[in-house]
PDB file of N, CA and C in Angstrom:
ATOM      1  N   MET A   1      76.599-235.233-113.736  1.00  0.00           N
ATOM      2  CA  MET A   1      75.741-235.303-114.890  1.00  0.00           C
ATOM      3  C   MET A   1      75.220-236.713-115.128  1.00  0.00           C
ATOM      4  N   VAL A   2      75.977-237.708-114.745  1.00  0.00           N
ATOM      5  CA  VAL A   2      75.568-239.096-114.993  1.00  0.00           C
ATOM      6  C   VAL A   2      74.313-239.475-114.198  1.00  0.00           C
ATOM      7  N   PRO A   3      74.194-239.124-112.908  1.00  0.00           N
ATOM      8  CA  PRO A   3      72.948-239.473-112.208  1.00  0.00           C
ATOM      9  C   PRO A   3      71.721-238.777-112.795  1.00  0.00           C
ATOM     10  N   GLU A   4      71.892-237.566-113.275  1.00  0.00           N
ATOM     11  CA  GLU A   4      70.765-236.860-113.879  1.00  0.00           C
ATOM     12  C   GLU A   4      70.344-237.539-115.185  1.00  0.00           C
ATOM     13  N   ALA A   5      71.307-237.974-115.972  1.00  0.00           N
ATOM     14  CA  ALA A   5      70.992-238.683-117.216  1.00  0.00           C
ATOM     15  C   ALA A   5      70.298-240.011-116.916  1.00  0.00           C
ATOM     16  N   ALA A   6      70.742-240.678-115.864  1.00  0.00           N
ATOM     17  CA  ALA A   6      70.104-241.939-115.485  1.00  0.00           C
ATOM     18  C   ALA A   6      68.660-241.712-115.055  1.00  0.00           C
ATOM     19  N   ARG A   7      68.392-240.588-114.381  1.00  0.00           N
ATOM     20  CA  ARG A   7      67.014-240.261-114.000  1.00  0.00           C
ATOM     21  C   ARG A   7      66.142-240.068-115.224  1.00  0.00           C
ATOM     22  N   TYR A   8      66.653-239.358-116.221  1.00  0.00           N
ATOM     23  CA  TYR A   8      65.875-239.129-117.436  1.00  0.00           C
ATOM     24  C   TYR A   8      65.619-240.429-118.193  1.00  0.00           C
ATOM     25  N   ILE A   9      66.610-241.285-118.244  1.00  0.00           N
ATOM     26  CA  ILE A   9      66.428-242.574-118.911  1.00  0.00           C
ATOM     27  C   ILE A   9      65.419-243.432-118.160  1.00  0.00           C
ATOM     28  N   GLY A  10      65.489-243.436-116.839  1.00  0.00           N
ATOM     29  CA  GLY A  10      64.528-244.198-116.034  1.00  0.00           C
ATOM     30  C   GLY A  10      63.102-243.700-116.209  1.00  0.00           C
ATOM     31  N   ALA A  11      62.941-242.385-116.271  1.00  0.00           N
ATOM     32  CA  ALA A  11      61.603-241.818-116.482  1.00  0.00           C
ATOM     33  C   ALA A  11      61.089-242.162-117.877  1.00  0.00           C
ATOM     34  N   ALA A  12      61.962-242.162-118.870  1.00  0.00           N
ATOM     35  CA  ALA A  12      61.545-242.516-120.225  1.00  0.00           C
ATOM     36  C   ALA A  12      61.118-243.972-120.305  1.00  0.00           C
ATOM     37  N   VAL A  13      61.819-244.839-119.608  1.00  0.00           N
ATOM     38  CA  VAL A  13      61.438-246.256-119.591  1.00  0.00           C
ATOM     39  C   VAL A  13      60.098-246.431-118.889  1.00  0.00           C
ATOM     40  N   ALA A  14      59.867-245.683-117.827  1.00  0.00           N
ATOM     41  CA  ALA A  14      58.584-245.775-117.128  1.00  0.00           C
ATOM     42  C   ALA A  14      57.451-245.250-118.002  1.00  0.00           C
ATOM     43  N   ILE A  15      57.695-244.216-118.763  1.00  0.00           N
ATOM     44  CA  ILE A  15      56.674-243.663-119.652  1.00  0.00           C
ATOM     45  C   ILE A  15      56.444-244.577-120.852  1.00  0.00           C
ATOM     46  N   PHE A  16      57.432-245.367-121.225  1.00  0.00           N
ATOM     47  CA  PHE A  16      57.294-246.277-122.358  1.00  0.00           C
ATOM     48  C   PHE A  16      56.158-247.280-122.130  1.00  0.00           C
ATOM     49  N   ALA A  17      55.821-247.533-120.879  1.00  0.00           N
ATOM     50  CA  ALA A  17      54.698-248.423-120.571  1.00  0.00           C
ATOM     51  C   ALA A  17      53.388-247.840-121.079  1.00  0.00           C
ATOM     52  N   LEU A  18      53.310-246.540-121.219  1.00  0.00           N
ATOM     53  CA  LEU A  18      52.087-245.910-121.708  1.00  0.00           C
ATOM     54  C   LEU A  18      51.798-246.260-123.163  1.00  0.00           C
ATOM     55  N   TYR A  19      52.809-246.619-123.924  1.00  0.00           N
ATOM     56  CA  TYR A  19      52.591-247.075-125.297  1.00  0.00           C
ATOM     57  C   TYR A  19      51.765-248.363-125.291  1.00  0.00           C
ATOM     58  N   GLY A  20      52.121-249.285-124.441  1.00  0.00           N
ATOM     59  CA  GLY A  20      51.365-250.531-124.331  1.00  0.00           C
ATOM     60  C   GLY A  20      49.963-250.304-123.799  1.00  0.00           C
ATOM     61  N   ILE A  21      49.828-249.361-122.894  1.00  0.00           N
ATOM     62  CA  ILE A  21      48.515-249.033-122.342  1.00  0.00           C
ATOM     63  C   ILE A  21      47.601-248.490-123.441  1.00  0.00           C
ATOM     64  N   GLY A  22      48.117-247.586-124.238  1.00  0.00           N
ATOM     65  CA  GLY A  22      47.311-247.022-125.326  1.00  0.00           C
ATOM     66  C   GLY A  22      46.914-248.072-126.345  1.00  0.00           C
ATOM     67  N   THR A  23      47.821-248.965-126.658  1.00  0.00           N
ATOM     68  CA  THR A  23      47.512-250.037-127.595  1.00  0.00           C
ATOM     69  C   THR A  23      46.449-250.966-127.037  1.00  0.00           C
ATOM     70  N   SER A  24      46.577-251.308-125.762  1.00  0.00           N
ATOM     71  CA  SER A  24      45.594-252.226-125.176  1.00  0.00           C
ATOM     72  C   SER A  24      44.220-251.571-125.035  1.00  0.00           C
ATOM     73  N   MET A  25      44.170-250.283-124.749  1.00  0.00           N
ATOM     74  CA  MET A  25      42.874-249.585-124.694  1.00  0.00           C
ATOM     75  C   MET A  25      42.228-249.543-126.070  1.00  0.00           C
ATOM     76  N   GLY A  26      43.019-249.313-127.091  1.00  0.00           N
ATOM     77  CA  GLY A  26      42.495-249.330-128.445  1.00  0.00           C
ATOM     78  C   GLY A  26      41.930-250.687-128.816  1.00  0.00           C
ATOM     79  N   ASN A  27      42.641-251.736-128.451  1.00  0.00           N
ATOM     80  CA  ASN A  27      42.146-253.090-128.720  1.00  0.00           C
ATOM     81  C   ASN A  27      40.882-253.394-127.927  1.00  0.00           C
ATOM     82  N   LEU A  28      40.835-252.959-126.692  1.00  0.00           N
ATOM     83  CA  LEU A  28      39.674-253.200-125.843  1.00  0.00           C
ATOM     84  C   LEU A  28      38.426-252.560-126.431  1.00  0.00           C
ATOM     85  N   PHE A  29      38.511-251.292-126.768  1.00  0.00           N
ATOM     86  CA  PHE A  29      37.334-250.600-127.283  1.00  0.00           C
ATOM     87  C   PHE A  29      36.993-251.033-128.703  1.00  0.00           C
ATOM     88  N   SER A  30      37.992-251.428-129.480  1.00  0.00           N
ATOM     89  CA  SER A  30      37.718-251.947-130.810  1.00  0.00           C
ATOM     90  C   SER A  30      36.928-253.249-130.731  1.00  0.00           C
ATOM     91  N   ALA A  31      37.343-254.128-129.846  1.00  0.00           N
ATOM     92  CA  ALA A  31      36.619-255.390-129.675  1.00  0.00           C
ATOM     93  C   ALA A  31      35.228-255.145-129.101  1.00  0.00           C
ATOM     94  N   TRP A  32      35.120-254.190-128.205  1.00  0.00           N
ATOM     95  CA  TRP A  32      33.821-253.877-127.607  1.00  0.00           C
ATOM     96  C   TRP A  32      32.856-253.347-128.669  1.00  0.00           C
ATOM     97  N   MET A  33      33.304-252.407-129.476  1.00  0.00           N
ATOM     98  CA  MET A  33      32.440-251.854-130.519  1.00  0.00           C
ATOM     99  C   MET A  33      32.074-252.911-131.555  1.00  0.00           C
ATOM    100  N   SER A  34      33.009-253.777-131.869  1.00  0.00           N
ATOM    101  CA  SER A  34      32.726-254.849-132.814  1.00  0.00           C
ATOM    102  C   SER A  34      31.680-255.808-132.256  1.00  0.00           C
ATOM    103  N   ALA A  35      31.802-256.132-130.972  1.00  0.00           N
ATOM    104  CA  ALA A  35      30.840-257.035-130.343  1.00  0.00           C
ATOM    105  C   ALA A  35      29.453-256.406-130.273  1.00  0.00           C
ATOM    106  N   VAL A  36      29.377-255.133-129.975  1.00  0.00           N
ATOM    107  CA  VAL A  36      28.079-254.454-129.894  1.00  0.00           C
ATOM    108  C   VAL A  36      27.474-254.308-131.291  1.00  0.00           C
ATOM    109  N   ALA A  37      28.311-254.084-132.305  1.00  0.00           N
ATOM    110  CA  ALA A  37      27.794-253.963-133.662  1.00  0.00           C
ATOM    111  C   ALA A  37      27.214-255.286-134.150  1.00  0.00           C
ATOM    112  N   ARG A  38      27.804-256.389-133.716  1.00  0.00           N
ATOM    113  CA  ARG A  38      27.298-257.701-134.138  1.00  0.00           C
ATOM    114  C   ARG A  38      26.060-258.118-133.362  1.00  0.00           C
ATOM    115  N   ASN A  39      26.000-257.726-132.093  1.00  0.00           N
ATOM    116  CA  ASN A  39      24.879-258.135-131.250  1.00  0.00           C
ATOM    117  C   ASN A  39      24.505-256.970-130.324  1.00  0.00           C
ATOM    118  N   PRO A  40      23.653-256.063-130.765  1.00  0.00           N
ATOM    119  CA  PRO A  40      23.328-254.875-129.963  1.00  0.00           C
ATOM    120  C   PRO A  40      22.638-255.205-128.640  1.00  0.00           C
ATOM    121  N   GLU A  41      21.950-256.320-128.560  1.00  0.00           N
ATOM    122  CA  GLU A  41      21.267-256.676-127.310  1.00  0.00           C
ATOM    123  C   GLU A  41      22.249-257.025-126.198  1.00  0.00           C
ATOM    124  N   ALA A  42      23.465-257.372-126.552  1.00  0.00           N
ATOM    125  CA  ALA A  42      24.449-257.781-125.551  1.00  0.00           C
ATOM    126  C   ALA A  42      25.205-256.600-124.953  1.00  0.00           C
ATOM    127  N   ASP A  43      24.853-255.386-125.332  1.00  0.00           N
ATOM    128  CA  ASP A  43      25.593-254.212-124.858  1.00  0.00           C
ATOM    129  C   ASP A  43      25.579-254.110-123.339  1.00  0.00           C
ATOM    130  N   GLU A  44      24.419-254.290-122.736  1.00  0.00           N
ATOM    131  CA  GLU A  44      24.333-254.178-121.273  1.00  0.00           C
ATOM    132  C   GLU A  44      25.109-255.302-120.577  1.00  0.00           C
ATOM    133  N   LYS A  45      25.188-256.453-121.198  1.00  0.00           N
ATOM    134  CA  LYS A  45      25.891-257.585-120.583  1.00  0.00           C
ATOM    135  C   LYS A  45      27.402-257.388-120.603  1.00  0.00           C
ATOM    136  N   ILE A  46      27.915-256.803-121.678  1.00  0.00           N
ATOM    137  CA  ILE A  46      29.369-256.661-121.773  1.00  0.00           C
ATOM    138  C   ILE A  46      29.863-255.291-121.318  1.00  0.00           C
ATOM    139  N   LYS A  47      28.967-254.405-120.975  1.00  0.00           N
ATOM    140  CA  LYS A  47      29.378-253.061-120.541  1.00  0.00           C
ATOM    141  C   LYS A  47      30.201-253.115-119.261  1.00  0.00           C
ATOM    142  N   PHE A  48      29.795-253.976-118.308  1.00  0.00           N
ATOM    143  CA  PHE A  48      30.529-254.084-117.051  1.00  0.00           C
ATOM    144  C   PHE A  48      31.952-254.572-117.290  1.00  0.00           C
ATOM    145  N   ALA A  49      32.089-255.603-118.108  1.00  0.00           N
ATOM    146  CA  ALA A  49      33.427-256.147-118.386  1.00  0.00           C
ATOM    147  C   ALA A  49      34.284-255.117-119.119  1.00  0.00           C
ATOM    148  N   GLY A  50      33.693-254.373-120.045  1.00  0.00           N
ATOM    149  CA  GLY A  50      34.450-253.346-120.768  1.00  0.00           C
ATOM    150  C   GLY A  50      34.908-252.224-119.861  1.00  0.00           C
ATOM    151  N   MET A  51      34.030-251.764-118.997  1.00  0.00           N
ATOM    152  CA  MET A  51      34.394-250.685-118.079  1.00  0.00           C
ATOM    153  C   MET A  51      35.412-251.155-117.034  1.00  0.00           C
ATOM    154  N   LEU A  52      35.295-252.397-116.607  1.00  0.00           N
ATOM    155  CA  LEU A  52      36.273-252.941-115.666  1.00  0.00           C
ATOM    156  C   LEU A  52      37.646-253.029-116.322  1.00  0.00           C
ATOM    157  N   GLY A  53      37.688-253.488-117.552  1.00  0.00           N
ATOM    158  CA  GLY A  53      38.958-253.542-118.279  1.00  0.00           C
ATOM    159  C   GLY A  53      39.550-252.163-118.485  1.00  0.00           C
ATOM    160  N   PHE A  54      38.693-251.198-118.792  1.00  0.00           N
ATOM    161  CA  PHE A  54      39.164-249.823-118.955  1.00  0.00           C
ATOM    162  C   PHE A  54      39.743-249.289-117.648  1.00  0.00           C
ATOM    163  N   ALA A  55      39.061-249.528-116.542  1.00  0.00           N
ATOM    164  CA  ALA A  55      39.524-249.010-115.245  1.00  0.00           C
ATOM    165  C   ALA A  55      40.854-249.631-114.844  1.00  0.00           C
ATOM    166  N   ILE A  56      40.998-250.924-115.048  1.00  0.00           N
ATOM    167  CA  ILE A  56      42.252-251.587-114.684  1.00  0.00           C
ATOM    168  C   ILE A  56      43.396-251.085-115.564  1.00  0.00           C
ATOM    169  N   THR A  57      43.134-250.952-116.852  1.00  0.00           N
ATOM    170  CA  THR A  57      44.162-250.465-117.768  1.00  0.00           C
ATOM    171  C   THR A  57      44.557-249.032-117.435  1.00  0.00           C
ATOM    172  N   GLU A  58      43.579-248.213-117.130  1.00  0.00           N
ATOM    173  CA  GLU A  58      43.858-246.813-116.797  1.00  0.00           C
ATOM    174  C   GLU A  58      44.622-246.701-115.474  1.00  0.00           C
ATOM    175  N   SER A  59      44.343-247.572-114.517  1.00  0.00           N
ATOM    176  CA  SER A  59      45.076-247.522-113.253  1.00  0.00           C
ATOM    177  C   SER A  59      46.543-247.886-113.460  1.00  0.00           C
ATOM    178  N   ILE A  60      46.815-248.812-114.362  1.00  0.00           N
ATOM    179  CA  ILE A  60      48.208-249.141-114.671  1.00  0.00           C
ATOM    180  C   ILE A  60      48.902-247.944-115.312  1.00  0.00           C
ATOM    181  N   ALA A  61      48.191-247.231-116.174  1.00  0.00           N
ATOM    182  CA  ALA A  61      48.767-246.043-116.814  1.00  0.00           C
ATOM    183  C   ALA A  61      49.077-244.968-115.777  1.00  0.00           C
ATOM    184  N   LEU A  62      48.175-244.766-114.839  1.00  0.00           N
ATOM    185  CA  LEU A  62      48.425-243.763-113.798  1.00  0.00           C
ATOM    186  C   LEU A  62      49.593-244.149-112.913  1.00  0.00           C
ATOM    187  N   CYS A  63      49.746-245.433-112.636  1.00  0.00           N
ATOM    188  CA  CYS A  63      50.895-245.888-111.846  1.00  0.00           C
ATOM    189  C   CYS A  63      52.201-245.650-112.599  1.00  0.00           C
ATOM    190  N   ALA A  64      52.210-245.924-113.902  1.00  0.00           N
ATOM    191  CA  ALA A  64      53.414-245.685-114.700  1.00  0.00           C
ATOM    192  C   ALA A  64      53.763-244.206-114.727  1.00  0.00           C
ATOM    193  N   LEU A  65      52.756-243.364-114.847  1.00  0.00           N
ATOM    194  CA  LEU A  65      52.994-241.927-114.842  1.00  0.00           C
ATOM    195  C   LEU A  65      53.510-241.454-113.489  1.00  0.00           C
ATOM    196  N   LEU A  66      52.966-241.988-112.419  1.00  0.00           N
ATOM    197  CA  LEU A  66      53.423-241.634-111.077  1.00  0.00           C
ATOM    198  C   LEU A  66      54.870-242.056-110.857  1.00  0.00           C
ATOM    199  N   VAL A  67      55.229-243.249-111.311  1.00  0.00           N
ATOM    200  CA  VAL A  67      56.616-243.708-111.176  1.00  0.00           C
ATOM    201  C   VAL A  67      57.556-242.784-111.954  1.00  0.00           C
ATOM    202  N   ALA A  68      57.162-242.386-113.148  1.00  0.00           N
ATOM    203  CA  ALA A  68      58.003-241.484-113.934  1.00  0.00           C
ATOM    204  C   ALA A  68      58.179-240.139-113.236  1.00  0.00           C
ATOM    205  N   ILE A  69      57.120-239.620-112.667  1.00  0.00           N
ATOM    206  CA  ILE A  69      57.217-238.341-111.954  1.00  0.00           C
ATOM    207  C   ILE A  69      58.090-238.478-110.712  1.00  0.00           C
ATOM    208  N   LEU A  70      57.941-239.579-109.998  1.00  0.00           N
ATOM    209  CA  LEU A  70      58.779-239.796-108.818  1.00  0.00           C
ATOM    210  C   LEU A  70      60.262-239.934-109.193  1.00  0.00           C
ATOM    211  N   ILE A  71      60.529-240.582-110.312  1.00  0.00           N
ATOM    212  CA  ILE A  71      61.922-240.719-110.744  1.00  0.00           C
ATOM    213  C   ILE A  71      62.498-239.360-111.128  1.00  0.00           C
ATOM    214  N   LEU A  72      61.719-238.547-111.814  1.00  0.00           N
ATOM    215  CA  LEU A  72      62.236-237.255-112.278  1.00  0.00           C
ATOM    216  C   LEU A  72      62.482-236.272-111.138  1.00  0.00           C
ATOM    217  N   PHE A  73      61.589-236.199-110.196  1.00  0.00           N
ATOM    218  CA  PHE A  73      61.663-235.144-109.188  1.00  0.00           C
ATOM    219  C   PHE A  73      62.108-235.630-107.824  1.00  0.00           C
ATOM    220  N   ARG A  74      62.858-236.671-107.782  1.00  0.00           N
ATOM    221  CA  ARG A  74      63.367-237.165-106.505  1.00  0.00           C
ATOM    222  C   ARG A  74      64.807-236.856-106.350  1.00  0.00           C
TER     223      ARG A  74
END
């Protein structure tokens, strides 16, 4: 029973990274919307940086989810 409990704890720790991912995505889009609201002409200039930040953040989330799945079903 102890190795199974350790697997569940390890998966929970790996999923805990998703809390930080969600917070950082919220901050990213909040800052993006604030910047566009202040200067609408700059939307095209900052769109690339916003989408790049979103993609990098989302890839970290997918890696955390993959690690949790690998821990659970191995």
